[in-house]
Amino acid sequence: MHLSKKNGISMMMLVISVSVMMVIITSASVIGINSVNTANFEEYKSVLDRISDDVNYYYIQNETLPVKNIDGMETIDAKSISSEFYTQVISFGDENNKLYVIDLEKLEDSTINSSDKENIYVVAENSHNVYSIIGFKYKSKVYYKI
């Protein structure tokens, strides 16, 4: 009796190959998502830094803050935004400062794109600390100021 030689891969090899491919794809997806989140957070920090620098430059040039009047209100109450926002305001020592809405058009900064302009930024009167009203959630924490 002559036994025929089988060519090809066994079912076990196929299952192992597919399992290894799934682990690699899952790992790459998780790493990719984390990289995108980190890049977005770094961009958020960069925008806050640029706005802060521009506010200080504007103040030096004009001896006033680049603010606007929204709905007849000159200032924003930090407590009315959220408890997390107010906690960060306290942590930067601005709980006794007035917070004014920044008029981004007065800054004339072409590096601030339109999506940044949808956010509302405020500046503390005496410290000139800049905060984002919306904030940015990163690793289970919302950052209003960096």
C-alpha atoms as a PDB file:
ATOM      1  CA  MET A   1       0.000   0.000   0.000  1.00  0.00           C
ATOM      2  CA  HIS A   2       1.273   3.335  -0.930  1.00  0.00           C
ATOM      3  CA  LEU A   3       0.500   6.363   1.313  1.00  0.00           C
ATOM      4  CA  SER A   4      -0.009   9.631  -0.492  1.00  0.00           C
ATOM      5  CA  LYS A   5       1.913  12.636   0.711  1.00  0.00           C
ATOM      6  CA  LYS A   6      -0.322  15.571   1.733  1.00  0.00           C
ATOM      7  CA  ASN A   7       0.649  19.061   0.623  1.00  0.00           C
ATOM      8  CA  GLY A   8      -0.566  22.243   2.286  1.00  0.00           C
ATOM      9  CA  ILE A   9      -1.055  23.468   5.841  1.00  0.00           C
ATOM     10  CA  SER A  10      -2.894  21.779   8.606  1.00  0.00           C
ATOM     11  CA  MET A  11      -5.930  23.205  10.337  1.00  0.00           C
ATOM     12  CA  MET A  12      -3.839  23.740  13.486  1.00  0.00           C
ATOM     13  CA  MET A  13      -1.308  25.870  11.587  1.00  0.00           C
ATOM     14  CA  LEU A  14      -4.116  27.948  10.087  1.00  0.00           C
ATOM     15  CA  VAL A  15      -5.693  28.598  13.511  1.00  0.00           C
ATOM     16  CA  ILE A  16      -2.321  29.586  15.004  1.00  0.00           C
ATOM     17  CA  SER A  17      -1.551  31.911  12.086  1.00  0.00           C
ATOM     18  CA  VAL A  18      -4.915  33.670  12.318  1.00  0.00           C
ATOM     19  CA  SER A  19      -4.570  34.019  16.109  1.00  0.00           C
ATOM     20  CA  VAL A  20      -1.114  35.607  15.803  1.00  0.00           C
ATOM     21  CA  MET A  21      -2.382  38.007  13.131  1.00  0.00           C
ATOM     22  CA  MET A  22      -5.306  39.063  15.360  1.00  0.00           C
ATOM     23  CA  VAL A  23      -2.944  39.802  18.284  1.00  0.00           C
ATOM     24  CA  ILE A  24      -0.697  41.899  16.032  1.00  0.00           C
ATOM     25  CA  ILE A  25      -3.630  43.853  14.546  1.00  0.00           C
ATOM     26  CA  THR A  26      -5.143  44.507  17.982  1.00  0.00           C
ATOM     27  CA  SER A  27      -1.816  45.720  19.382  1.00  0.00           C
ATOM     28  CA  ALA A  28      -1.236  48.014  16.421  1.00  0.00           C
ATOM     29  CA  SER A  29      -4.743  49.486  16.764  1.00  0.00           C
ATOM     30  CA  VAL A  30      -4.297  50.261  20.463  1.00  0.00           C
ATOM     31  CA  ILE A  31      -0.888  51.826  19.876  1.00  0.00           C
ATOM     32  CA  GLY A  32      -2.272  53.865  16.972  1.00  0.00           C
ATOM     33  CA  ILE A  33      -5.217  55.204  18.979  1.00  0.00           C
ATOM     34  CA  ASN A  34      -2.950  56.170  21.891  1.00  0.00           C
ATOM     35  CA  SER A  35      -0.595  57.943  19.498  1.00  0.00           C
ATOM     36  CA  VAL A  36      -3.427  59.966  17.991  1.00  0.00           C
ATOM     37  CA  ASN A  37      -4.739  60.945  21.441  1.00  0.00           C
ATOM     38  CA  THR A  38      -1.276  62.009  22.551  1.00  0.00           C
ATOM     39  CA  ALA A  39      -0.763  64.051  19.372  1.00  0.00           C
ATOM     40  CA  ASN A  40      -4.119  65.805  19.852  1.00  0.00           C
ATOM     41  CA  PHE A  41      -3.247  66.602  23.477  1.00  0.00           C
ATOM     42  CA  GLU A  42       0.124  68.023  22.429  1.00  0.00           C
ATOM     43  CA  GLU A  43      -1.631  70.215  19.847  1.00  0.00           C
ATOM     44  CA  TYR A  44      -4.071  71.420  22.529  1.00  0.00           C
ATOM     45  CA  LYS A  45      -1.150  72.356  24.791  1.00  0.00           C
ATOM     46  CA  SER A  46       0.522  74.144  21.897  1.00  0.00           C
ATOM     47  CA  VAL A  47      -2.608  76.181  21.146  1.00  0.00           C
ATOM     48  CA  LEU A  48      -2.925  77.232  24.807  1.00  0.00           C
ATOM     49  CA  ASP A  49       0.747  78.249  24.853  1.00  0.00           C
ATOM     50  CA  ARG A  50       0.391  80.280  21.635  1.00  0.00           C
ATOM     51  CA  ILE A  51      -2.742  82.038  22.883  1.00  0.00           C
ATOM     52  CA  SER A  52      -1.053  82.780  26.211  1.00  0.00           C
ATOM     53  CA  ASP A  53       1.992  84.247  24.448  1.00  0.00           C
ATOM     54  CA  ASP A  54      -0.245  86.286  22.139  1.00  0.00           C
ATOM     55  CA  VAL A  55      -2.288  87.621  25.077  1.00  0.00           C
ATOM     56  CA  ASN A  56       0.877  88.760  26.832  1.00  0.00           C
ATOM     57  CA  TYR A  57       2.236  90.356  23.659  1.00  0.00           C
ATOM     58  CA  TYR A  58      -1.083  92.134  23.052  1.00  0.00           C
ATOM     59  CA  TYR A  59      -1.084  93.394  26.638  1.00  0.00           C
ATOM     60  CA  ILE A  60       2.458  94.770  26.285  1.00  0.00           C
ATOM     61  CA  GLN A  61       1.562  96.535  23.023  1.00  0.00           C
ATOM     62  CA  ASN A  62      -1.862  97.890  24.047  1.00  0.00           C
ATOM     63  CA  GLU A  63      -1.802  97.992  27.869  1.00  0.00           C
ATOM     64  CA  THR A  64      -5.127  96.165  27.909  1.00  0.00           C
ATOM     65  CA  LEU A  65      -6.248  92.568  27.585  1.00  0.00           C
ATOM     66  CA  PRO A  66      -7.649  91.340  24.229  1.00  0.00           C
ATOM     67  CA  VAL A  67     -11.127  90.610  25.539  1.00  0.00           C
ATOM     68  CA  LYS A  68     -14.674  90.800  24.236  1.00  0.00           C
ATOM     69  CA  ASN A  69     -18.077  91.322  25.715  1.00  0.00           C
ATOM     70  CA  ILE A  70     -20.388  88.288  25.415  1.00  0.00           C
ATOM     71  CA  ASP A  71     -24.087  88.773  26.135  1.00  0.00           C
ATOM     72  CA  GLY A  72     -23.366  91.955  28.069  1.00  0.00           C
ATOM     73  CA  MET A  73     -21.045  90.130  30.457  1.00  0.00           C
ATOM     74  CA  GLU A  74     -17.488  91.299  30.770  1.00  0.00           C
ATOM     75  CA  THR A  75     -16.398  88.486  33.051  1.00  0.00           C
ATOM     76  CA  ILE A  76     -17.108  84.777  33.467  1.00  0.00           C
ATOM     77  CA  ASP A  77     -17.711  83.179  36.848  1.00  0.00           C
ATOM     78  CA  ALA A  78     -15.381  80.171  37.130  1.00  0.00           C
ATOM     79  CA  LYS A  79     -17.811  78.418  39.488  1.00  0.00           C
ATOM     80  CA  SER A  80     -20.565  78.505  36.858  1.00  0.00           C
ATOM     81  CA  ILE A  81     -18.573  76.479  34.315  1.00  0.00           C
ATOM     82  CA  SER A  82     -17.869  73.275  36.265  1.00  0.00           C
ATOM     83  CA  SER A  83     -16.409  72.144  39.540  1.00  0.00           C
ATOM     84  CA  GLU A  84     -13.404  70.658  37.698  1.00  0.00           C
ATOM     85  CA  PHE A  85     -12.773  73.981  35.965  1.00  0.00           C
ATOM     86  CA  TYR A  86     -13.004  75.889  39.235  1.00  0.00           C
ATOM     87  CA  THR A  87     -10.628  73.412  40.906  1.00  0.00           C
ATOM     88  CA  GLN A  88      -8.017  74.083  38.235  1.00  0.00           C
ATOM     89  CA  VAL A  89      -8.539  77.846  38.545  1.00  0.00           C
ATOM     90  CA  ILE A  90      -7.863  77.513  42.280  1.00  0.00           C
ATOM     91  CA  SER A  91      -4.798  75.348  41.664  1.00  0.00           C
ATOM     92  CA  PHE A  92      -3.279  78.134  39.543  1.00  0.00           C
ATOM     93  CA  GLY A  93      -4.164  80.782  42.131  1.00  0.00           C
ATOM     94  CA  ASP A  94      -6.763  82.610  40.048  1.00  0.00           C
ATOM     95  CA  GLU A  95      -9.841  82.148  42.244  1.00  0.00           C
ATOM     96  CA  ASN A  96      -9.815  85.868  43.149  1.00  0.00           C
ATOM     97  CA  ASN A  97      -9.074  87.103  39.624  1.00  0.00           C
ATOM     98  CA  LYS A  98     -11.725  88.114  37.128  1.00  0.00           C
ATOM     99  CA  LEU A  99     -11.863  85.870  34.067  1.00  0.00           C
ATOM    100  CA  TYR A 100     -12.391  87.630  30.738  1.00  0.00           C
ATOM    101  CA  VAL A 101     -13.306  86.006  27.413  1.00  0.00           C
ATOM    102  CA  ILE A 102     -10.440  86.403  24.946  1.00  0.00           C
ATOM    103  CA  ASP A 103     -11.205  87.928  21.554  1.00  0.00           C
ATOM    104  CA  LEU A 104      -9.054  85.740  19.288  1.00  0.00           C
ATOM    105  CA  GLU A 105      -9.581  88.142  16.368  1.00  0.00           C
ATOM    106  CA  LYS A 106      -7.651  90.801  18.279  1.00  0.00           C
ATOM    107  CA  LEU A 107      -4.678  88.475  18.543  1.00  0.00           C
ATOM    108  CA  GLU A 108      -4.318  88.252  14.761  1.00  0.00           C
ATOM    109  CA  ASP A 109      -2.597  84.883  15.026  1.00  0.00           C
ATOM    110  CA  SER A 110      -2.793  82.911  11.793  1.00  0.00           C
ATOM    111  CA  THR A 111      -1.532  79.748  13.521  1.00  0.00           C
ATOM    112  CA  ILE A 112      -4.777  79.410  15.469  1.00  0.00           C
ATOM    113  CA  ASN A 113      -7.065  77.513  13.118  1.00  0.00           C
ATOM    114  CA  SER A 114     -10.828  77.695  12.932  1.00  0.00           C
ATOM    115  CA  SER A 115     -11.397  74.634  15.151  1.00  0.00           C
ATOM    116  CA  ASP A 116      -9.457  76.390  17.924  1.00  0.00           C
ATOM    117  CA  LYS A 117     -11.691  79.420  17.482  1.00  0.00           C
ATOM    118  CA  GLU A 118     -14.767  77.306  18.272  1.00  0.00           C
ATOM    119  CA  ASN A 119     -13.430  76.881  21.797  1.00  0.00           C
ATOM    120  CA  ILE A 120     -13.823  79.735  24.280  1.00  0.00           C
ATOM    121  CA  TYR A 121     -10.677  80.870  26.026  1.00  0.00           C
ATOM    122  CA  VAL A 122     -10.552  83.103  29.076  1.00  0.00           C
ATOM    123  CA  VAL A 123      -7.728  85.053  30.653  1.00  0.00           C
ATOM    124  CA  ALA A 124      -7.279  85.801  34.349  1.00  0.00           C
ATOM    125  CA  GLU A 125      -7.060  89.538  34.961  1.00  0.00           C
ATOM    126  CA  ASN A 126      -3.880  89.812  37.048  1.00  0.00           C
ATOM    127  CA  SER A 127      -1.952  86.617  36.285  1.00  0.00           C
ATOM    128  CA  HIS A 128      -2.821  86.499  32.562  1.00  0.00           C
ATOM    129  CA  ASN A 129      -3.248  82.734  32.849  1.00  0.00           C
ATOM    130  CA  VAL A 130      -5.211  81.395  29.881  1.00  0.00           C
ATOM    131  CA  TYR A 131      -7.882  78.713  30.331  1.00  0.00           C
ATOM    132  CA  SER A 132     -10.033  76.793  27.872  1.00  0.00           C
ATOM    133  CA  ILE A 133     -13.704  76.682  28.833  1.00  0.00           C
ATOM    134  CA  ILE A 134     -14.263  73.368  27.023  1.00  0.00           C
ATOM    135  CA  GLY A 135     -11.016  71.765  28.124  1.00  0.00           C
ATOM    136  CA  PHE A 136      -9.420  68.623  26.748  1.00  0.00           C
ATOM    137  CA  LYS A 137      -9.978  65.119  28.118  1.00  0.00           C
ATOM    138  CA  TYR A 138      -6.776  63.104  28.177  1.00  0.00           C
ATOM    139  CA  LYS A 139      -6.174  59.905  30.125  1.00  0.00           C
ATOM    140  CA  SER A 140      -9.367  60.260  32.195  1.00  0.00           C
ATOM    141  CA  LYS A 141      -8.712  63.874  33.228  1.00  0.00           C
ATOM    142  CA  VAL A 142     -10.008  67.127  31.738  1.00  0.00           C
ATOM    143  CA  TYR A 143      -7.377  69.820  31.296  1.00  0.00           C
ATOM    144  CA  TYR A 144      -8.500  73.442  31.151  1.00  0.00           C
ATOM    145  CA  LYS A 145      -5.028  74.893  31.518  1.00  0.00           C
ATOM    146  CA  ILE A 146      -1.613  73.352  31.077  1.00  0.00           C
END
